[in-house]
Amino acid sequence: MDLRQAYADARAAGATRHRDIALSLGVTEGMLIDAHVGAPDGGLQAQRVRRDFPRLLSELSRAGELMALTRNPHCVHERTGVYEHLSVQGEPGREMGMALGEDIDLRLFYSHWAQGYAVREGEQQSLQFFDACGVAVHKVFARPATQFAAWQALRLRWTDPGAAPPQWRTEAPPAAADAPGVDADGFRAGWAALRDTHEFFGLLRRHGLTRRTAMHLAAPQFAQRVDRHAARVLLEGAAANATPIMVFVGNPGVIQIHGGPIKRVAMLGPWLNVLDPRFNLHLREDAIAEAWAVRKPTVDGLVSSLELYAQDGELIAQFFGQRKPGQPERCAWRQLLDAQVDDPVWSEETAGCAA
């Protein structure tokens, strides 16, 4: 198949999103982008970039304001700001990093990053990064306020005209599965003994559990299943009373976080959206198979969240009340979440929140 021509035909027929066009053609988005390496002016163009991704991202601050985009199959998270305070640790090929800017807040798992491109189509310019199958892990878009001289210099410095085409993996890695013989009582005791939300990942690993199975095994005072439309109710409530929240959306390569208030919440077809000037969220509400209200004990008191899961058990998104370490969560957030839970066990502990 001539992917360039097939893409041009799809565009002419009114298709807009690269991912959707790639799916319609039976390829991944990375394969579609790579097919446009060296394409002539006037349409989609791509250049491969050198694969030192931690260093590349560390230089993005020179370009000033950019838009960070991270998605999974059911949710897109877009945040405008500056890539600041980048850090990385770990051996080459297994690096983990963070971006802790005022606006752009990322957790980066570079072992899942395989290929990157500088992409241009019309006036839109971006850097796009994909896993070994060609599934997007993260994208960076130039914005009107971007410092374009620095952006162009960065693109020129990082493109690699001699890079060989990638050898895409055609089979995705197997999905996570639960270990046999789960110690449910030990897991519940470990949950009750948590003192930091980050300890939860280690708890899952020790007991060989996926997140969704953990929800089903949890004691009722720590996890309650709620209506799958709860995210809409929470977002509308947070917007109405100006409760600042945190929105986590990720894939194996990146977790992207918004922290702060939201203003405009709107349903557009099946999509639940936040449409603010510097933060956009696009969530397929019809893809939510399960929604859970979750509590984790910490040294700062209970930390509550809403977690959304797809039919295959993958985590779609998480919502928290915004807070800093050392601070209890806001009562306004807890009240929004508590209102979604029917079981009275959940509401027994109401102390330990901040006005």
Protein backbone atom coordinates (compact mmCIF):
# COMPACT_ATOMS: atom_id res chain seq x y z
CA MET A 1 0.00 0.00 0.00
CA ASP A 2 1.19 3.51 -0.81
CA LEU A 3 0.62 5.06 2.64
CA ARG A 4 1.33 8.58 1.43
CA GLN A 5 -1.37 8.41 -1.21
CA ALA A 6 -3.81 6.61 1.10
CA TYR A 7 -3.26 9.31 3.70
CA ALA A 8 -3.81 12.08 1.14
CA ASP A 9 -7.03 10.38 -0.01
CA ALA A 10 -8.28 10.12 3.60
CA ARG A 11 -7.50 13.78 4.17
CA ALA A 12 -9.35 14.76 1.00
CA ALA A 13 -12.34 12.75 2.23
CA GLY A 14 -12.45 14.81 5.42
CA ALA A 15 -10.53 12.68 7.95
CA THR A 16 -8.47 14.77 10.35
CA ARG A 17 -6.76 12.75 13.09
CA HIS A 18 -3.57 10.87 12.23
CA ARG A 19 -4.42 8.06 14.64
CA ASP A 20 -7.86 7.50 13.14
CA ILE A 21 -6.51 7.52 9.58
CA ALA A 22 -3.78 5.03 10.52
CA LEU A 23 -6.34 2.70 12.11
CA SER A 24 -8.53 2.89 9.01
CA LEU A 25 -5.51 1.87 6.91
CA GLY A 26 -4.55 -1.04 9.17
CA VAL A 27 -1.27 0.46 10.37
CA THR A 28 -0.11 2.24 13.51
CA GLU A 29 0.32 5.98 13.69
CA GLY A 30 4.09 5.67 13.85
CA MET A 31 4.11 3.66 10.64
CA LEU A 32 2.01 6.33 8.95
CA ILE A 33 4.31 9.13 10.11
CA ASP A 34 7.46 7.23 9.10
CA ALA A 35 6.03 6.74 5.60
CA HIS A 36 6.21 10.53 5.21
CA VAL A 37 9.92 10.83 5.95
CA GLY A 38 11.33 12.76 2.99
CA ALA A 39 7.87 13.63 1.62
CA PRO A 40 7.77 16.76 -0.57
CA ASP A 41 6.46 20.11 0.61
CA GLY A 42 2.75 20.72 0.59
CA GLY A 43 1.47 17.96 2.86
CA LEU A 44 2.53 15.85 5.82
CA GLN A 45 6.31 15.79 6.25
CA ALA A 46 8.44 13.97 8.82
CA GLN A 47 12.09 13.64 9.78
CA ARG A 48 13.50 11.05 12.16
CA VAL A 49 15.24 12.41 15.24
CA ARG A 50 18.15 11.10 17.26
CA ARG A 51 17.06 8.74 20.01
CA ASP A 52 18.55 10.40 23.09
CA PHE A 53 15.05 11.32 24.21
CA PRO A 54 15.87 12.46 27.78
CA ARG A 55 18.38 14.99 26.49
CA LEU A 56 16.05 16.16 23.72
CA LEU A 57 13.26 16.89 26.19
CA SER A 58 15.69 18.67 28.50
CA GLU A 59 16.33 21.20 25.72
CA LEU A 60 12.68 22.00 25.04
CA SER A 61 12.64 24.80 27.62
CA ARG A 62 14.65 26.90 25.16
CA ALA A 63 11.58 27.08 22.92
CA GLY A 64 9.38 28.53 25.67
CA GLU A 65 5.68 27.80 25.54
CA LEU A 66 4.66 24.48 23.96
CA MET A 67 1.72 22.13 24.17
CA ALA A 68 2.28 18.68 25.70
CA LEU A 69 -0.07 15.91 24.56
CA THR A 70 -0.33 12.46 26.08
CA ARG A 71 -3.06 9.99 25.25
CA ASN A 72 -4.22 6.42 25.57
CA PRO A 73 -6.92 4.76 23.43
CA HIS A 74 -9.76 6.48 25.32
CA CYS A 75 -8.45 9.79 26.66
CA VAL A 76 -6.36 12.74 25.45
CA HIS A 77 -4.64 15.17 27.85
CA GLU A 78 -3.29 18.48 26.48
CA ARG A 79 -1.41 21.01 28.61
CA THR A 80 0.24 24.24 27.48
CA GLY A 81 3.32 25.54 29.26
CA VAL A 82 7.11 25.32 29.44
CA TYR A 83 9.08 22.07 29.77
CA GLU A 84 10.92 22.91 32.99
CA HIS A 85 12.87 21.10 35.71
CA LEU A 86 13.57 17.94 33.72
CA SER A 87 15.37 15.17 35.54
CA VAL A 88 16.35 11.61 34.61
CA GLN A 89 17.73 8.59 36.38
CA GLY A 90 18.52 4.98 35.52
CA GLU A 91 20.83 3.18 33.11
CA PRO A 92 20.72 3.89 29.36
CA GLY A 93 17.68 2.33 27.75
CA ARG A 94 15.84 2.07 31.06
CA GLU A 95 15.76 5.73 32.08
CA MET A 96 12.92 7.23 34.06
CA GLY A 97 12.40 10.96 34.27
CA MET A 98 10.18 13.80 35.40
CA ALA A 99 9.20 17.25 34.23
CA LEU A 100 8.08 19.37 37.15
CA GLY A 101 7.19 22.69 35.58
CA GLU A 102 4.47 24.98 36.80
CA ASP A 103 2.24 23.87 33.92
CA ILE A 104 3.77 20.77 32.35
CA ASP A 105 4.01 17.92 34.86
CA LEU A 106 5.16 14.56 33.48
CA ARG A 107 6.39 11.15 34.62
CA LEU A 108 8.52 9.67 31.83
CA PHE A 109 9.34 5.99 31.26
CA TYR A 110 11.81 6.09 28.40
CA SER A 111 12.16 2.31 28.02
CA HIS A 112 8.83 2.51 26.16
CA TRP A 113 10.08 5.22 23.74
CA ALA A 114 11.43 3.75 20.50
CA GLN A 115 11.23 6.34 17.73
CA GLY A 116 10.82 10.10 17.40
CA TYR A 117 9.97 12.48 14.54
CA ALA A 118 9.93 16.15 13.75
CA VAL A 119 6.60 16.55 11.96
CA ARG A 120 5.18 19.38 9.90
CA GLU A 121 1.82 19.72 8.19
CA GLY A 122 0.79 23.13 6.99
CA GLU A 123 1.34 25.57 9.85
CA GLN A 124 1.36 22.84 12.50
CA GLN A 125 4.76 21.73 13.80
CA SER A 126 5.43 19.04 16.36
CA LEU A 127 7.78 16.47 17.81
CA GLN A 128 6.14 13.04 18.07
CA PHE A 129 7.36 9.97 19.93
CA PHE A 130 6.25 6.35 19.52
CA ASP A 131 6.77 2.96 21.11
CA ALA A 132 8.22 -0.06 19.33
CA CYS A 133 4.85 -0.87 17.72
CA GLY A 134 4.34 2.69 16.47
CA VAL A 135 1.79 3.69 19.12
CA ALA A 136 2.14 7.32 20.22
CA VAL A 137 3.51 7.88 23.73
CA HIS A 138 3.93 11.68 23.71
CA LYS A 139 3.71 14.68 21.38
CA VAL A 140 4.97 18.26 21.64
CA PHE A 141 3.32 20.98 19.56
CA ALA A 142 4.51 24.48 18.79
CA ARG A 143 2.07 27.20 19.84
CA PRO A 144 1.64 30.85 18.79
CA ALA A 145 3.73 31.96 21.79
CA THR A 146 6.56 29.48 21.04
CA GLN A 147 10.01 31.01 20.51
CA PHE A 148 10.25 29.83 16.93
CA ALA A 149 13.93 30.59 16.34
CA ALA A 150 14.84 28.33 19.26
CA TRP A 151 12.27 25.73 18.16
CA GLN A 152 13.64 25.57 14.62
CA ALA A 153 17.21 25.39 15.90
CA LEU A 154 16.25 22.49 18.15
CA ARG A 155 14.54 20.65 15.29
CA LEU A 156 17.57 21.16 13.05
CA ARG A 157 19.97 19.99 15.77
CA TRP A 158 18.03 16.82 16.57
CA THR A 159 16.91 15.54 13.16
CA ASP A 160 18.97 12.64 11.80
CA PRO A 161 18.80 12.44 7.97
CA GLY A 162 20.86 9.24 7.96
CA ALA A 163 18.70 7.32 10.42
CA ALA A 164 17.53 3.94 9.17
CA PRO A 165 13.79 3.17 9.06
CA PRO A 166 12.58 1.57 12.29
CA GLN A 167 11.87 -2.13 12.54
CA TRP A 168 8.38 -1.95 13.97
CA ARG A 169 7.23 -4.70 16.29
CA THR A 170 4.00 -6.17 14.95
CA GLU A 171 2.74 -7.72 18.19
CA ALA A 172 2.03 -5.67 21.29
CA PRO A 173 3.53 -6.89 24.58
CA PRO A 174 1.14 -9.08 26.59
CA ALA A 175 -1.24 -7.28 28.89
CA ALA A 176 -0.55 -7.39 32.61
CA ALA A 177 -2.17 -10.30 34.39
CA ASP A 178 -2.73 -11.22 38.03
CA ALA A 179 -0.41 -13.69 39.70
CA PRO A 180 -1.98 -16.99 40.84
CA GLY A 181 -2.79 -17.56 44.48
CA VAL A 182 -3.35 -13.95 45.53
CA ASP A 183 -3.17 -13.30 49.29
CA ALA A 184 -6.27 -11.11 49.49
CA ASP A 185 -6.08 -10.63 53.27
CA GLY A 186 -2.42 -9.66 53.08
CA PHE A 187 -3.17 -7.23 50.28
CA ARG A 188 -5.97 -5.56 52.26
CA ALA A 189 -3.69 -5.29 55.30
CA GLY A 190 -1.00 -3.71 53.12
CA TRP A 191 -3.48 -1.17 51.76
CA ALA A 192 -4.58 -0.21 55.26
CA ALA A 193 -0.90 0.28 56.22
CA LEU A 194 -0.08 2.69 53.36
CA ARG A 195 1.57 5.93 54.37
CA ASP A 196 2.11 7.48 50.93
CA THR A 197 0.12 7.13 47.71
CA HIS A 198 3.29 6.17 45.81
CA GLU A 199 3.59 3.03 47.96
CA PHE A 200 0.56 1.63 46.15
CA PHE A 201 2.61 0.64 43.09
CA GLY A 202 4.92 -1.46 45.26
CA LEU A 203 1.93 -3.03 46.99
CA LEU A 204 0.53 -4.15 43.63
CA ARG A 205 3.89 -5.60 42.57
CA ARG A 206 4.37 -7.53 45.82
CA HIS A 207 0.98 -9.18 45.46
CA GLY A 208 1.08 -9.60 41.67
CA LEU A 209 -2.12 -7.66 41.08
CA THR A 210 -3.41 -5.46 38.31
CA ARG A 211 -5.00 -2.19 39.39
CA ARG A 212 -8.53 -3.18 38.47
CA THR A 213 -8.32 -6.49 40.36
CA ALA A 214 -7.01 -4.50 43.34
CA MET A 215 -10.18 -2.40 43.25
CA HIS A 216 -12.34 -5.53 43.42
CA LEU A 217 -10.30 -7.00 46.30
CA ALA A 218 -10.08 -3.80 48.36
CA ALA A 219 -11.92 -3.35 51.65
CA PRO A 220 -15.10 -1.29 51.12
CA GLN A 221 -13.80 1.67 53.14
CA PHE A 222 -10.99 2.02 50.57
CA ALA A 223 -12.65 1.33 47.20
CA GLN A 224 -16.25 1.60 46.06
CA ARG A 225 -17.56 1.13 42.55
CA VAL A 226 -19.55 4.14 41.35
CA ASP A 227 -21.59 5.10 38.31
CA ARG A 228 -19.52 5.25 35.14
CA HIS A 229 -20.76 8.83 34.57
CA ALA A 230 -19.17 9.95 37.85
CA ALA A 231 -16.33 11.73 36.04
CA ARG A 232 -18.81 14.05 34.36
CA VAL A 233 -20.50 14.86 37.66
CA LEU A 234 -17.16 15.48 39.40
CA LEU A 235 -15.77 17.70 36.64
CA GLU A 236 -18.95 19.74 36.45
CA GLY A 237 -18.96 20.10 40.24
CA ALA A 238 -15.29 21.08 40.38
CA ALA A 239 -15.86 23.69 37.68
CA ALA A 240 -18.96 25.07 39.42
CA ASN A 241 -17.33 25.57 42.82
CA ALA A 242 -13.76 26.27 41.59
CA THR A 243 -12.29 23.24 43.35
CA PRO A 244 -8.74 22.73 42.04
CA ILE A 245 -8.13 19.18 40.88
CA MET A 246 -5.43 16.94 39.46
CA VAL A 247 -6.06 14.95 36.30
CA PHE A 248 -3.73 12.03 35.48
CA VAL A 249 -3.77 10.46 32.00
CA GLY A 250 -1.11 8.09 30.80
CA ASN A 251 0.18 5.19 28.77
CA PRO A 252 3.19 2.91 29.39
CA GLY A 253 5.60 5.68 28.32
CA VAL A 254 4.22 8.81 30.01
CA ILE A 255 1.88 10.00 32.72
CA GLN A 256 0.74 13.60 32.19
CA ILE A 257 -0.80 15.61 35.02
CA HIS A 258 -2.91 18.74 35.17
CA GLY A 259 -3.11 20.55 38.48
CA GLY A 260 -5.42 23.48 39.13
CA PRO A 261 -8.98 24.66 38.62
CA ILE A 262 -11.05 23.92 35.53
CA LYS A 263 -13.76 26.09 34.01
CA ARG A 264 -15.49 24.82 30.89
CA VAL A 265 -16.82 21.25 30.88
CA ALA A 266 -18.81 20.11 27.83
CA MET A 267 -20.14 16.92 26.28
CA LEU A 268 -19.58 16.68 22.52
CA GLY A 269 -21.06 13.44 21.25
CA PRO A 270 -19.50 10.62 23.30
CA TRP A 271 -16.61 12.86 24.42
CA LEU A 272 -16.47 14.43 27.88
CA ASN A 273 -14.29 17.51 27.51
CA VAL A 274 -12.53 20.17 29.52
CA LEU A 275 -11.99 23.10 27.16
CA ASP A 276 -9.87 25.67 28.98
CA PRO A 277 -7.26 27.97 27.41
CA ARG A 278 -4.24 26.02 28.72
CA PHE A 279 -5.75 22.63 29.53
CA ASN A 280 -7.88 20.37 27.37
CA LEU A 281 -9.16 16.91 28.25
CA HIS A 282 -11.02 14.65 25.82
CA LEU A 283 -12.45 11.50 27.43
CA ARG A 284 -14.55 8.86 25.67
CA GLU A 285 -17.29 8.43 28.25
CA ASP A 286 -18.70 5.40 26.43
CA ALA A 287 -15.34 3.60 26.86
CA ILE A 288 -15.61 3.63 30.67
CA ALA A 289 -16.43 0.10 31.81
CA GLU A 290 -15.84 0.69 35.53
CA ALA A 291 -15.42 3.75 37.74
CA TRP A 292 -14.10 3.50 41.29
CA ALA A 293 -13.94 5.92 44.19
CA VAL A 294 -10.66 5.14 45.94
CA ARG A 295 -9.09 6.08 49.26
CA LYS A 296 -5.50 5.60 50.33
CA PRO A 297 -4.26 6.32 53.87
CA THR A 298 -1.20 8.57 54.08
CA VAL A 299 0.67 10.48 56.77
CA ASP A 300 -1.34 13.53 55.64
CA GLY A 301 -4.68 11.76 56.05
CA LEU A 302 -6.86 10.01 53.48
CA VAL A 303 -6.24 10.81 49.83
CA SER A 304 -9.28 10.21 47.62
CA SER A 305 -9.49 9.70 43.88
CA LEU A 306 -11.74 8.61 41.05
CA GLU A 307 -10.28 5.94 38.77
CA LEU A 308 -11.70 4.99 35.36
CA TYR A 309 -11.11 1.62 33.67
CA ALA A 310 -11.74 0.37 30.13
CA GLN A 311 -13.29 -2.98 29.27
CA ASP A 312 -9.83 -4.56 28.92
CA GLY A 313 -8.93 -3.44 32.46
CA GLU A 314 -6.57 -0.66 31.43
CA LEU A 315 -6.58 2.54 33.46
CA ILE A 316 -8.06 5.42 31.44
CA ALA A 317 -7.69 8.36 33.84
CA GLN A 318 -7.47 9.35 37.53
CA PHE A 319 -8.84 12.43 39.26
CA PHE A 320 -7.65 13.83 42.62
CA GLY A 321 -8.16 16.98 44.59
CA GLN A 322 -5.12 19.19 44.13
CA ARG A 323 -2.81 19.22 47.13
CA LYS A 324 0.89 19.37 48.00
CA PRO A 325 2.81 16.82 50.11
CA GLY A 326 2.34 17.64 53.77
CA GLN A 327 -1.15 19.00 53.21
CA PRO A 328 -4.47 17.20 53.75
CA GLU A 329 -6.79 17.03 50.77
CA ARG A 330 -9.49 19.63 50.40
CA CYS A 331 -12.87 18.95 51.97
CA ALA A 332 -14.58 20.32 48.85
CA TRP A 333 -12.98 17.61 46.72
CA ARG A 334 -13.78 14.88 49.23
CA GLN A 335 -17.39 15.96 49.37
CA LEU A 336 -17.67 15.86 45.58
CA LEU A 337 -16.36 12.31 45.52
CA ASP A 338 -18.27 11.11 48.60
CA ALA A 339 -21.51 12.19 46.94
CA GLN A 340 -20.94 9.53 44.27
CA VAL A 341 -20.75 6.64 46.77
CA ASP A 342 -23.87 4.84 47.99
CA ASP A 343 -22.32 2.58 50.65
CA PRO A 344 -22.45 4.22 54.12
CA VAL A 345 -19.17 2.50 55.10
CA TRP A 346 -17.40 4.95 52.82
CA SER A 347 -18.59 8.03 54.73
CA GLU A 348 -17.65 6.88 58.22
CA GLU A 349 -14.39 8.85 58.26
CA THR A 350 -14.81 12.49 57.32
CA ALA A 351 -12.11 14.19 59.38
CA GLY A 352 -8.66 15.10 58.13
CA CYS A 353 -9.48 17.35 55.20
CA ALA A 354 -8.73 21.03 54.65
CA ALA A 355 -11.19 23.82 53.97
